[in-house]
C-alpha atoms as a PDB file:
ATOM      1  CA  UNK A   1     -89.141  92.650  23.831  1.00  0.00           C
ATOM      2  CA  UNK A   2     -91.448  94.069  21.260  1.00  0.00           C
ATOM      3  CA  UNK A   3     -90.883  94.495  17.594  1.00  0.00           C
ATOM      4  CA  UNK A   4     -88.677  97.205  16.946  1.00  0.00           C
ATOM      5  CA  UNK A   5     -90.681 100.142  15.266  1.00  0.00           C
ATOM      6  CA  UNK A   6     -89.447 101.738  11.813  1.00  0.00           C
ATOM      7  CA  UNK A   7     -87.167 104.684  14.095  1.00  0.00           C
ATOM      8  CA  UNK A   8     -85.437 102.858  16.823  1.00  0.00           C
ATOM      9  CA  UNK A   9     -82.540 102.134  16.936  1.00  0.00           C
ATOM     10  CA  UNK A  10     -81.629  98.122  18.548  1.00  0.00           C
ATOM     11  CA  UNK A  11     -80.551 100.675  21.751  1.00  0.00           C
ATOM     12  CA  UNK A  12     -83.905 101.757  22.310  1.00  0.00           C
ATOM     13  CA  UNK A  13     -83.136 105.123  21.735  1.00  0.00           C
ATOM     14  CA  UNK A  14     -85.237 106.894  18.640  1.00  0.00           C
ATOM     15  CA  UNK A  15     -84.017 107.954  15.474  1.00  0.00           C
ATOM     16  CA  UNK A  16     -84.581 111.211  14.127  1.00  0.00           C
ATOM     17  CA  UNK A  17     -86.654 110.706  10.918  1.00  0.00           C
ATOM     18  CA  UNK A  18     -84.651 112.102   7.681  1.00  0.00           C
ATOM     19  CA  UNK A  19     -85.401 115.051   6.206  1.00  0.00           C
ATOM     20  CA  UNK A  20     -85.749 115.368   2.526  1.00  0.00           C
ATOM     21  CA  UNK A  21     -85.043 118.723   1.719  1.00  0.00           C
ATOM     22  CA  UNK A  22     -81.748 119.448   0.231  1.00  0.00           C
ATOM     23  CA  UNK A  23     -81.207 116.075   0.400  1.00  0.00           C
ATOM     24  CA  UNK A  24     -77.986 114.833  -2.356  1.00  0.00           C
ATOM     25  CA  UNK A  25     -79.017 112.423  -3.856  1.00  0.00           C
ATOM     26  CA  UNK A  26     -77.750 109.721  -7.068  1.00  0.00           C
ATOM     27  CA  UNK A  27     -80.510 107.463  -8.039  1.00  0.00           C
ATOM     28  CA  UNK A  28     -79.696 105.152 -11.006  1.00  0.00           C
ATOM     29  CA  UNK A  29     -82.501 103.468 -13.210  1.00  0.00           C
ATOM     30  CA  UNK A  30     -84.117 107.126 -13.485  1.00  0.00           C
ATOM     31  CA  UNK A  31     -85.673 106.422 -17.038  1.00  0.00           C
ATOM     32  CA  UNK A  32     -88.522 103.916 -16.125  1.00  0.00           C
ATOM     33  CA  UNK A  33     -90.418 102.531 -13.723  1.00  0.00           C
ATOM     34  CA  UNK A  34     -90.039 102.729  -9.822  1.00  0.00           C
ATOM     35  CA  UNK A  35     -86.554 104.768 -10.428  1.00  0.00           C
ATOM     36  CA  UNK A  36     -88.524 107.022 -12.788  1.00  0.00           C
ATOM     37  CA  UNK A  37     -91.269 107.497 -10.143  1.00  0.00           C
ATOM     38  CA  UNK A  38     -88.580 107.772  -7.198  1.00  0.00           C
ATOM     39  CA  UNK A  39     -87.352 110.577  -8.735  1.00  0.00           C
ATOM     40  CA  UNK A  40     -90.661 112.466  -9.138  1.00  0.00           C
ATOM     41  CA  UNK A  41     -91.269 112.165  -5.376  1.00  0.00           C
ATOM     42  CA  UNK A  42     -87.807 113.145  -4.342  1.00  0.00           C
ATOM     43  CA  UNK A  43     -87.945 116.105  -6.439  1.00  0.00           C
ATOM     44  CA  UNK A  44     -91.045 117.655  -4.733  1.00  0.00           C
ATOM     45  CA  UNK A  45     -90.195 116.396  -1.412  1.00  0.00           C
ATOM     46  CA  UNK A  46     -87.453 119.317  -2.052  1.00  0.00           C
ATOM     47  CA  UNK A  47     -84.136 117.028  -2.677  1.00  0.00           C
ATOM     48  CA  UNK A  48     -81.103 117.391  -4.955  1.00  0.00           C
ATOM     49  CA  UNK A  49     -80.903 114.651  -8.059  1.00  0.00           C
ATOM     50  CA  UNK A  50     -78.882 113.302  -9.491  1.00  0.00           C
ATOM     51  CA  UNK A  51     -80.563 110.631 -12.181  1.00  0.00           C
ATOM     52  CA  UNK A  52     -78.527 108.652 -14.467  1.00  0.00           C
ATOM     53  CA  UNK A  53     -79.522 105.992 -17.225  1.00  0.00           C
ATOM     54  CA  UNK A  54     -79.176 104.588 -20.821  1.00  0.00           C
ATOM     55  CA  UNK A  55     -81.785 106.914 -22.326  1.00  0.00           C
ATOM     56  CA  UNK A  56     -81.042 110.572 -22.334  1.00  0.00           C
ATOM     57  CA  UNK A  57     -84.325 111.160 -23.772  1.00  0.00           C
ATOM     58  CA  UNK A  58     -86.376 109.389 -20.898  1.00  0.00           C
ATOM     59  CA  UNK A  59     -84.498 111.792 -18.541  1.00  0.00           C
ATOM     60  CA  UNK A  60     -85.021 114.919 -20.102  1.00  0.00           C
ATOM     61  CA  UNK A  61     -88.369 114.603 -20.091  1.00  0.00           C
ATOM     62  CA  UNK A  62     -87.934 114.398 -16.293  1.00  0.00           C
ATOM     63  CA  UNK A  63     -86.329 117.188 -16.463  1.00  0.00           C
ATOM     64  CA  UNK A  64     -89.148 118.808 -18.671  1.00  0.00           C
ATOM     65  CA  UNK A  65     -91.812 117.351 -16.288  1.00  0.00           C
ATOM     66  CA  UNK A  66     -90.481 118.337 -13.278  1.00  0.00           C
ATOM     67  CA  UNK A  67     -89.076 122.186 -14.164  1.00  0.00           C
ATOM     68  CA  UNK A  68     -91.012 123.666 -11.319  1.00  0.00           C
ATOM     69  CA  UNK A  69     -90.290 121.376  -8.501  1.00  0.00           C
ATOM     70  CA  UNK A  70     -88.861 122.560  -5.230  1.00  0.00           C
ATOM     71  CA  UNK A  71     -85.737 120.305  -6.116  1.00  0.00           C
ATOM     72  CA  UNK A  72     -83.235 120.134  -8.362  1.00  0.00           C
ATOM     73  CA  UNK A  73     -82.843 117.962 -11.248  1.00  0.00           C
ATOM     74  CA  UNK A  74     -79.583 117.364 -12.970  1.00  0.00           C
ATOM     75  CA  UNK A  75     -79.031 114.190 -15.165  1.00  0.00           C
ATOM     76  CA  UNK A  76     -76.082 111.840 -16.362  1.00  0.00           C
ATOM     77  CA  UNK A  77     -76.904 109.619 -18.990  1.00  0.00           C
ATOM     78  CA  UNK A  78     -74.967 106.377 -19.655  1.00  0.00           C
ATOM     79  CA  UNK A  79     -74.440 102.480 -18.812  1.00  0.00           C
ATOM     80  CA  UNK A  80     -74.167 101.376 -14.921  1.00  0.00           C
ATOM     81  CA  UNK A  81     -72.031  98.697 -16.090  1.00  0.00           C
ATOM     82  CA  UNK A  82     -69.041 100.599 -17.695  1.00  0.00           C
ATOM     83  CA  UNK A  83     -67.158 101.167 -15.293  1.00  0.00           C
ATOM     84  CA  UNK A  84     -65.829 104.732 -16.687  1.00  0.00           C
ATOM     85  CA  UNK A  85     -69.874 105.724 -16.189  1.00  0.00           C
ATOM     86  CA  UNK A  86     -70.190 105.347 -12.351  1.00  0.00           C
ATOM     87  CA  UNK A  87     -66.131 107.126 -11.711  1.00  0.00           C
ATOM     88  CA  UNK A  88     -68.086 110.388 -14.312  1.00  0.00           C
ATOM     89  CA  UNK A  89     -70.984 109.792 -11.356  1.00  0.00           C
ATOM     90  CA  UNK A  90     -68.730 109.607  -8.418  1.00  0.00           C
ATOM     91  CA  UNK A  91     -66.573 113.125  -9.785  1.00  0.00           C
ATOM     92  CA  UNK A  92     -69.855 114.618 -10.938  1.00  0.00           C
ATOM     93  CA  UNK A  93     -70.610 114.491  -7.052  1.00  0.00           C
ATOM     94  CA  UNK A  94     -67.717 115.522  -5.864  1.00  0.00           C
ATOM     95  CA  UNK A  95     -67.131 118.726  -8.311  1.00  0.00           C
ATOM     96  CA  UNK A  96     -71.004 119.977  -7.444  1.00  0.00           C
ATOM     97  CA  UNK A  97     -71.724 118.691  -4.260  1.00  0.00           C
ATOM     98  CA  UNK A  98     -68.322 117.879  -2.524  1.00  0.00           C
ATOM     99  CA  UNK A  99     -70.522 114.898  -0.542  1.00  0.00           C
ATOM    100  CA  UNK A 100     -73.618 112.584  -0.762  1.00  0.00           C
ATOM    101  CA  UNK A 101     -76.380 111.604   1.188  1.00  0.00           C
ATOM    102  CA  UNK A 102     -77.893 108.877  -0.781  1.00  0.00           C
ATOM    103  CA  UNK A 103     -77.468 106.630  -3.019  1.00  0.00           C
ATOM    104  CA  UNK A 104     -80.184 105.113  -4.423  1.00  0.00           C
ATOM    105  CA  UNK A 105     -79.484 101.673  -6.462  1.00  0.00           C
ATOM    106  CA  UNK A 106     -82.148 100.861  -8.641  1.00  0.00           C
ATOM    107  CA  UNK A 107     -81.024  99.696 -12.073  1.00  0.00           C
ATOM    108  CA  UNK A 108     -82.075  96.217 -12.938  1.00  0.00           C
ATOM    109  CA  UNK A 109     -82.685  94.545 -15.576  1.00  0.00           C
ATOM    110  CA  UNK A 110     -84.253  90.911 -15.898  1.00  0.00           C
ATOM    111  CA  UNK A 111     -84.607  87.469 -18.062  1.00  0.00           C
ATOM    112  CA  UNK A 112     -87.363  85.073 -18.458  1.00  0.00           C
ATOM    113  CA  UNK A 113     -86.857  81.345 -19.780  1.00  0.00           C
ATOM    114  CA  UNK A 114     -85.595  78.284 -18.537  1.00  0.00           C
ATOM    115  CA  UNK A 115     -81.987  78.084 -17.504  1.00  0.00           C
ATOM    116  CA  UNK A 116     -81.489  74.726 -19.234  1.00  0.00           C
ATOM    117  CA  UNK A 117     -82.273  76.514 -22.788  1.00  0.00           C
ATOM    118  CA  UNK A 118     -80.285  79.927 -21.763  1.00  0.00           C
ATOM    119  CA  UNK A 119     -76.544  80.977 -22.557  1.00  0.00           C
ATOM    120  CA  UNK A 120     -73.905  81.897 -20.655  1.00  0.00           C
ATOM    121  CA  UNK A 121     -74.282  85.487 -21.710  1.00  0.00           C
ATOM    122  CA  UNK A 122     -77.483  85.997 -20.677  1.00  0.00           C
ATOM    123  CA  UNK A 123     -76.597  84.910 -16.396  1.00  0.00           C
ATOM    124  CA  UNK A 124     -73.698  87.248 -16.313  1.00  0.00           C
ATOM    125  CA  UNK A 125     -75.594  90.070 -18.519  1.00  0.00           C
ATOM    126  CA  UNK A 126     -78.315  90.171 -15.307  1.00  0.00           C
ATOM    127  CA  UNK A 127     -75.566  89.864 -13.068  1.00  0.00           C
ATOM    128  CA  UNK A 128     -73.370  92.671 -14.005  1.00  0.00           C
ATOM    129  CA  UNK A 129     -76.421  94.613 -14.688  1.00  0.00           C
ATOM    130  CA  UNK A 130     -78.343  93.621 -11.209  1.00  0.00           C
ATOM    131  CA  UNK A 131     -75.336  93.141  -8.930  1.00  0.00           C
ATOM    132  CA  UNK A 132     -71.721  93.985  -9.898  1.00  0.00           C
ATOM    133  CA  UNK A 133     -72.858  97.402 -11.227  1.00  0.00           C
ATOM    134  CA  UNK A 134     -74.693  98.779  -8.149  1.00  0.00           C
ATOM    135  CA  UNK A 135     -71.827  97.131  -5.720  1.00  0.00           C
ATOM    136  CA  UNK A 136     -68.924  98.662  -7.558  1.00  0.00           C
ATOM    137  CA  UNK A 137     -70.975 101.795  -7.837  1.00  0.00           C
ATOM    138  CA  UNK A 138     -71.215 101.706  -4.123  1.00  0.00           C
ATOM    139  CA  UNK A 139     -67.584 101.357  -3.293  1.00  0.00           C
ATOM    140  CA  UNK A 140     -66.388 103.969  -4.937  1.00  0.00           C
ATOM    141  CA  UNK A 141     -69.775 106.175  -3.491  1.00  0.00           C
ATOM    142  CA  UNK A 142     -68.588 105.648  -0.259  1.00  0.00           C
ATOM    143  CA  UNK A 143     -66.136 107.948   0.364  1.00  0.00           C
ATOM    144  CA  UNK A 144     -68.637 110.783  -0.587  1.00  0.00           C
ATOM    145  CA  UNK A 145     -71.402 109.338   1.685  1.00  0.00           C
ATOM    146  CA  UNK A 146     -68.526 109.768   4.363  1.00  0.00           C
ATOM    147  CA  UNK A 147     -68.683 112.929   3.858  1.00  0.00           C
ATOM    148  CA  UNK A 148     -72.841 113.102   3.801  1.00  0.00           C
ATOM    149  CA  UNK A 149     -75.530 113.974   6.396  1.00  0.00           C
ATOM    150  CA  UNK A 150     -77.026 110.957   7.688  1.00  0.00           C
ATOM    151  CA  UNK A 151     -75.921 108.913   4.475  1.00  0.00           C
ATOM    152  CA  UNK A 152     -77.584 106.004   3.150  1.00  0.00           C
ATOM    153  CA  UNK A 153     -77.432 103.579   0.643  1.00  0.00           C
ATOM    154  CA  UNK A 154     -81.047 102.416  -0.711  1.00  0.00           C
ATOM    155  CA  UNK A 155     -81.034  99.161  -2.892  1.00  0.00           C
ATOM    156  CA  UNK A 156     -84.035  97.876  -4.317  1.00  0.00           C
ATOM    157  CA  UNK A 157     -84.389  94.345  -4.398  1.00  0.00           C
ATOM    158  CA  UNK A 158     -86.673  92.471  -4.888  1.00  0.00           C
ATOM    159  CA  UNK A 159     -89.469  89.590  -2.900  1.00  0.00           C
ATOM    160  CA  UNK A 160     -87.583  87.228  -5.182  1.00  0.00           C
ATOM    161  CA  UNK A 161     -84.697  87.775  -3.335  1.00  0.00           C
ATOM    162  CA  UNK A 162     -86.258  85.913  -0.468  1.00  0.00           C
ATOM    163  CA  UNK A 163     -87.612  83.225  -2.618  1.00  0.00           C
ATOM    164  CA  UNK A 164     -86.867  82.220  -6.363  1.00  0.00           C
ATOM    165  CA  UNK A 165     -89.487  81.220  -8.886  1.00  0.00           C
ATOM    166  CA  UNK A 166     -88.930  79.194 -11.722  1.00  0.00           C
ATOM    167  CA  UNK A 167     -88.078  80.945 -15.599  1.00  0.00           C
ATOM    168  CA  UNK A 168     -86.559  84.275 -13.311  1.00  0.00           C
ATOM    169  CA  UNK A 169     -83.525  81.879 -12.371  1.00  0.00           C
ATOM    170  CA  UNK A 170     -80.648  84.379 -13.532  1.00  0.00           C
ATOM    171  CA  UNK A 171     -82.966  87.405 -12.356  1.00  0.00           C
ATOM    172  CA  UNK A 172     -83.338  85.363  -8.837  1.00  0.00           C
ATOM    173  CA  UNK A 173     -79.575  84.408  -8.397  1.00  0.00           C
ATOM    174  CA  UNK A 174     -78.804  88.195  -8.989  1.00  0.00           C
ATOM    175  CA  UNK A 175     -81.739  89.458  -6.318  1.00  0.00           C
ATOM    176  CA  UNK A 176     -80.475  87.394  -4.183  1.00  0.00           C
ATOM    177  CA  UNK A 177     -77.036  88.528  -4.111  1.00  0.00           C
ATOM    178  CA  UNK A 178     -78.239  91.828  -3.760  1.00  0.00           C
ATOM    179  CA  UNK A 179     -80.113  91.086  -0.717  1.00  0.00           C
ATOM    180  CA  UNK A 180     -77.016  89.281   0.748  1.00  0.00           C
ATOM    181  CA  UNK A 181     -73.857  91.991  -0.219  1.00  0.00           C
ATOM    182  CA  UNK A 182     -76.816  94.227   1.550  1.00  0.00           C
ATOM    183  CA  UNK A 183     -77.336  92.363   4.453  1.00  0.00           C
ATOM    184  CA  UNK A 184     -73.309  91.954   4.956  1.00  0.00           C
ATOM    185  CA  UNK A 185     -72.450  95.840   4.370  1.00  0.00           C
ATOM    186  CA  UNK A 186     -75.130  96.967   6.668  1.00  0.00           C
ATOM    187  CA  UNK A 187     -73.061  95.462   9.433  1.00  0.00           C
ATOM    188  CA  UNK A 188     -69.669  96.647   8.393  1.00  0.00           C
ATOM    189  CA  UNK A 189     -70.716 100.302   7.674  1.00  0.00           C
ATOM    190  CA  UNK A 190     -72.530 100.903  11.122  1.00  0.00           C
ATOM    191  CA  UNK A 191     -69.702 102.453  12.492  1.00  0.00           C
ATOM    192  CA  UNK A 192     -69.145 104.920   9.912  1.00  0.00           C
ATOM    193  CA  UNK A 193     -72.950 106.234   9.924  1.00  0.00           C
ATOM    194  CA  UNK A 194     -74.034 104.862   6.808  1.00  0.00           C
ATOM    195  CA  UNK A 195     -77.464 103.082   6.941  1.00  0.00           C
ATOM    196  CA  UNK A 196     -78.022 100.335   4.485  1.00  0.00           C
ATOM    197  CA  UNK A 197     -81.336  99.841   3.566  1.00  0.00           C
ATOM    198  CA  UNK A 198     -83.654  97.711   0.915  1.00  0.00           C
ATOM    199  CA  UNK A 199     -87.103  97.617  -0.655  1.00  0.00           C
ATOM    200  CA  UNK A 200     -87.920  94.102  -2.160  1.00  0.00           C
ATOM    201  CA  UNK A 201     -91.003  94.826  -4.269  1.00  0.00           C
ATOM    202  CA  UNK A 202     -93.164  92.250  -6.408  1.00  0.00           C
ATOM    203  CA  UNK A 203     -92.690  92.572 -10.317  1.00  0.00           C
ATOM    204  CA  UNK A 204     -93.493  96.204 -11.364  1.00  0.00           C
ATOM    205  CA  UNK A 205     -95.897  97.295 -13.876  1.00  0.00           C
ATOM    206  CA  UNK A 206     -93.386  97.283 -17.203  1.00  0.00           C
ATOM    207  CA  UNK A 207     -90.339  98.041 -14.695  1.00  0.00           C
ATOM    208  CA  UNK A 208     -89.312  94.521 -15.001  1.00  0.00           C
ATOM    209  CA  UNK A 209     -91.170  93.581 -18.444  1.00  0.00           C
ATOM    210  CA  UNK A 210     -89.534  96.344 -20.141  1.00  0.00           C
ATOM    211  CA  UNK A 211     -86.038  94.998 -19.482  1.00  0.00           C
ATOM    212  CA  UNK A 212     -86.121  91.942 -20.228  1.00  0.00           C
ATOM    213  CA  UNK A 213     -82.228  90.393 -21.795  1.00  0.00           C
ATOM    214  CA  UNK A 214     -82.430  87.251 -24.426  1.00  0.00           C
ATOM    215  CA  UNK A 215     -86.232  85.797 -23.426  1.00  0.00           C
ATOM    216  CA  UNK A 216     -87.467  83.918 -26.588  1.00  0.00           C
ATOM    217  CA  UNK A 217     -90.707  85.262 -27.855  1.00  0.00           C
ATOM    218  CA  UNK A 218     -93.936  83.874 -25.903  1.00  0.00           C
ATOM    219  CA  UNK A 219     -92.336  83.058 -23.025  1.00  0.00           C
ATOM    220  CA  UNK A 220     -94.038  83.980 -20.030  1.00  0.00           C
ATOM    221  CA  UNK A 221     -93.773  83.751 -16.148  1.00  0.00           C
ATOM    222  CA  UNK A 222     -96.264  84.381 -13.732  1.00  0.00           C
ATOM    223  CA  UNK A 223     -95.936  86.452 -11.127  1.00  0.00           C
ATOM    224  CA  UNK A 224     -97.332  86.909  -8.043  1.00  0.00           C
ATOM    225  CA  UNK A 225     -98.452  90.801  -6.981  1.00  0.00           C
ATOM    226  CA  UNK A 226     -98.036  93.213  -9.959  1.00  0.00           C
ATOM    227  CA  UNK A 227     -97.179  96.792  -8.047  1.00  0.00           C
ATOM    228  CA  UNK A 228     -96.863  99.978  -9.353  1.00  0.00           C
ATOM    229  CA  UNK A 229     -94.210 101.777  -9.938  1.00  0.00           C
ATOM    230  CA  UNK A 230     -95.355 105.110  -7.866  1.00  0.00           C
ATOM    231  CA  UNK A 231     -96.293 102.827  -4.983  1.00  0.00           C
ATOM    232  CA  UNK A 232     -93.366 101.360  -4.570  1.00  0.00           C
ATOM    233  CA  UNK A 233     -91.649 104.169  -4.964  1.00  0.00           C
ATOM    234  CA  UNK A 234     -93.478 105.676  -2.092  1.00  0.00           C
ATOM    235  CA  UNK A 235     -93.121 103.265   0.211  1.00  0.00           C
ATOM    236  CA  UNK A 236     -88.896 103.371  -0.390  1.00  0.00           C
ATOM    237  CA  UNK A 237     -89.465 106.892   0.359  1.00  0.00           C
ATOM    238  CA  UNK A 238     -90.519 106.186   3.636  1.00  0.00           C
ATOM    239  CA  UNK A 239     -87.970 103.562   4.227  1.00  0.00           C
ATOM    240  CA  UNK A 240     -85.137 105.811   3.873  1.00  0.00           C
ATOM    241  CA  UNK A 241     -87.101 108.624   5.908  1.00  0.00           C
ATOM    242  CA  UNK A 242     -87.692 106.461   9.047  1.00  0.00           C
ATOM    243  CA  UNK A 243     -84.071 104.151   8.296  1.00  0.00           C
ATOM    244  CA  UNK A 244     -85.860 100.812   8.521  1.00  0.00           C
ATOM    245  CA  UNK A 245     -83.738  98.561   7.130  1.00  0.00           C
ATOM    246  CA  UNK A 246     -85.770  95.845   5.389  1.00  0.00           C
ATOM    247  CA  UNK A 247     -88.943  95.980   3.515  1.00  0.00           C
ATOM    248  CA  UNK A 248     -90.995  92.940   1.493  1.00  0.00           C
ATOM    249  CA  UNK A 249     -94.016  95.198  -0.203  1.00  0.00           C
ATOM    250  CA  UNK A 250     -97.097  93.071  -1.129  1.00  0.00           C
ATOM    251  CA  UNK A 251     -99.360  90.635   0.840  1.00  0.00           C
ATOM    252  CA  UNK A 252     -98.535  88.449  -2.042  1.00  0.00           C
ATOM    253  CA  UNK A 253     -95.177  89.028  -2.041  1.00  0.00           C
ATOM    254  CA  UNK A 254     -95.027  88.176   1.865  1.00  0.00           C
ATOM    255  CA  UNK A 255     -97.236  85.130   1.591  1.00  0.00           C
ATOM    256  CA  UNK A 256     -94.691  83.630  -0.872  1.00  0.00           C
ATOM    257  CA  UNK A 257     -91.890  84.637   1.376  1.00  0.00           C
ATOM    258  CA  UNK A 258     -93.621  83.160   4.138  1.00  0.00           C
ATOM    259  CA  UNK A 259     -94.873  80.048   2.414  1.00  0.00           C
ATOM    260  CA  UNK A 260     -90.847  79.631   1.024  1.00  0.00           C
ATOM    261  CA  UNK A 261     -90.300  79.626   4.250  1.00  0.00           C
ATOM    262  CA  UNK A 262     -92.589  77.336   6.475  1.00  0.00           C
ATOM    263  CA  UNK A 263     -93.938  75.426   3.350  1.00  0.00           C
ATOM    264  CA  UNK A 264     -90.973  74.938   0.769  1.00  0.00           C
ATOM    265  CA  UNK A 265     -91.775  71.703  -0.346  1.00  0.00           C
ATOM    266  CA  UNK A 266     -95.575  72.767  -1.070  1.00  0.00           C
ATOM    267  CA  UNK A 267     -94.243  75.902  -2.450  1.00  0.00           C
ATOM    268  CA  UNK A 268     -92.200  73.788  -4.885  1.00  0.00           C
ATOM    269  CA  UNK A 269     -95.271  71.859  -5.272  1.00  0.00           C
ATOM    270  CA  UNK A 270     -98.065  75.014  -6.438  1.00  0.00           C
ATOM    271  CA  UNK A 271     -94.844  76.498  -8.453  1.00  0.00           C
ATOM    272  CA  UNK A 272     -94.492  73.734 -10.421  1.00  0.00           C
ATOM    273  CA  UNK A 273     -97.859  73.259 -11.023  1.00  0.00           C
ATOM    274  CA  UNK A 274     -98.481  77.030 -12.228  1.00  0.00           C
ATOM    275  CA  UNK A 275     -95.542  76.036 -14.208  1.00  0.00           C
ATOM    276  CA  UNK A 276     -97.023  73.430 -16.064  1.00  0.00           C
ATOM    277  CA  UNK A 277     -99.763  75.273 -17.201  1.00  0.00           C
ATOM    278  CA  UNK A 278     -97.754  78.486 -19.081  1.00  0.00           C
END
């Protein structure tokens, strides 16, 4: 049996493409990078989007820039790590939509530096933003998704959730957790008709480095395959439309994952040599 096409189900039946027009979408981390590009593409496809992020001025900018888009945009500024803000998102969807079609878990933060030199607070903050907050938001959104049309959870992961690299231990840990959690709930929610999809880009331009936490000045870390946020957004939207369960993006990212899987010792050696040059 050959590999399944992105729109084929396991039983061989054809799964219709998901229509973005009038889709009700919550998108987190929408003020910059991938989130900003995702919202832009969703609006121009005719979706109704609730965008959330901490920086209200950037969300207001989204409204101004896309006032003429076929879709509609609403904003709800706030900190996703706050349970009150997560509850506010759910309440907004209940009051205005009565359901939810797609939840995009995109918000995240990173950190660069040796694990031995970091504080325990850095690890906890990265895990809180990159894993606990999206997981808890997803939990309380499930009743809304069950009322949605072709409901889906789209998680924006990372190549570093498949193969870890030095100097990004906390970020790698959070993205590994995101991937493992996604695989588990994908099976749990299948009978409920909720798709769990994941795209794993390489580091995107500005997105990772603009959200660094507690990183010493001058600390550097090499990245595999810097990607443009709009490129990631385009592929993520295509994955949503075709119900593609998981995609690793960029040639460099795929090579890193494959080399780590098949040649782990050699990969460790190469990464160690790269580390020595920083």
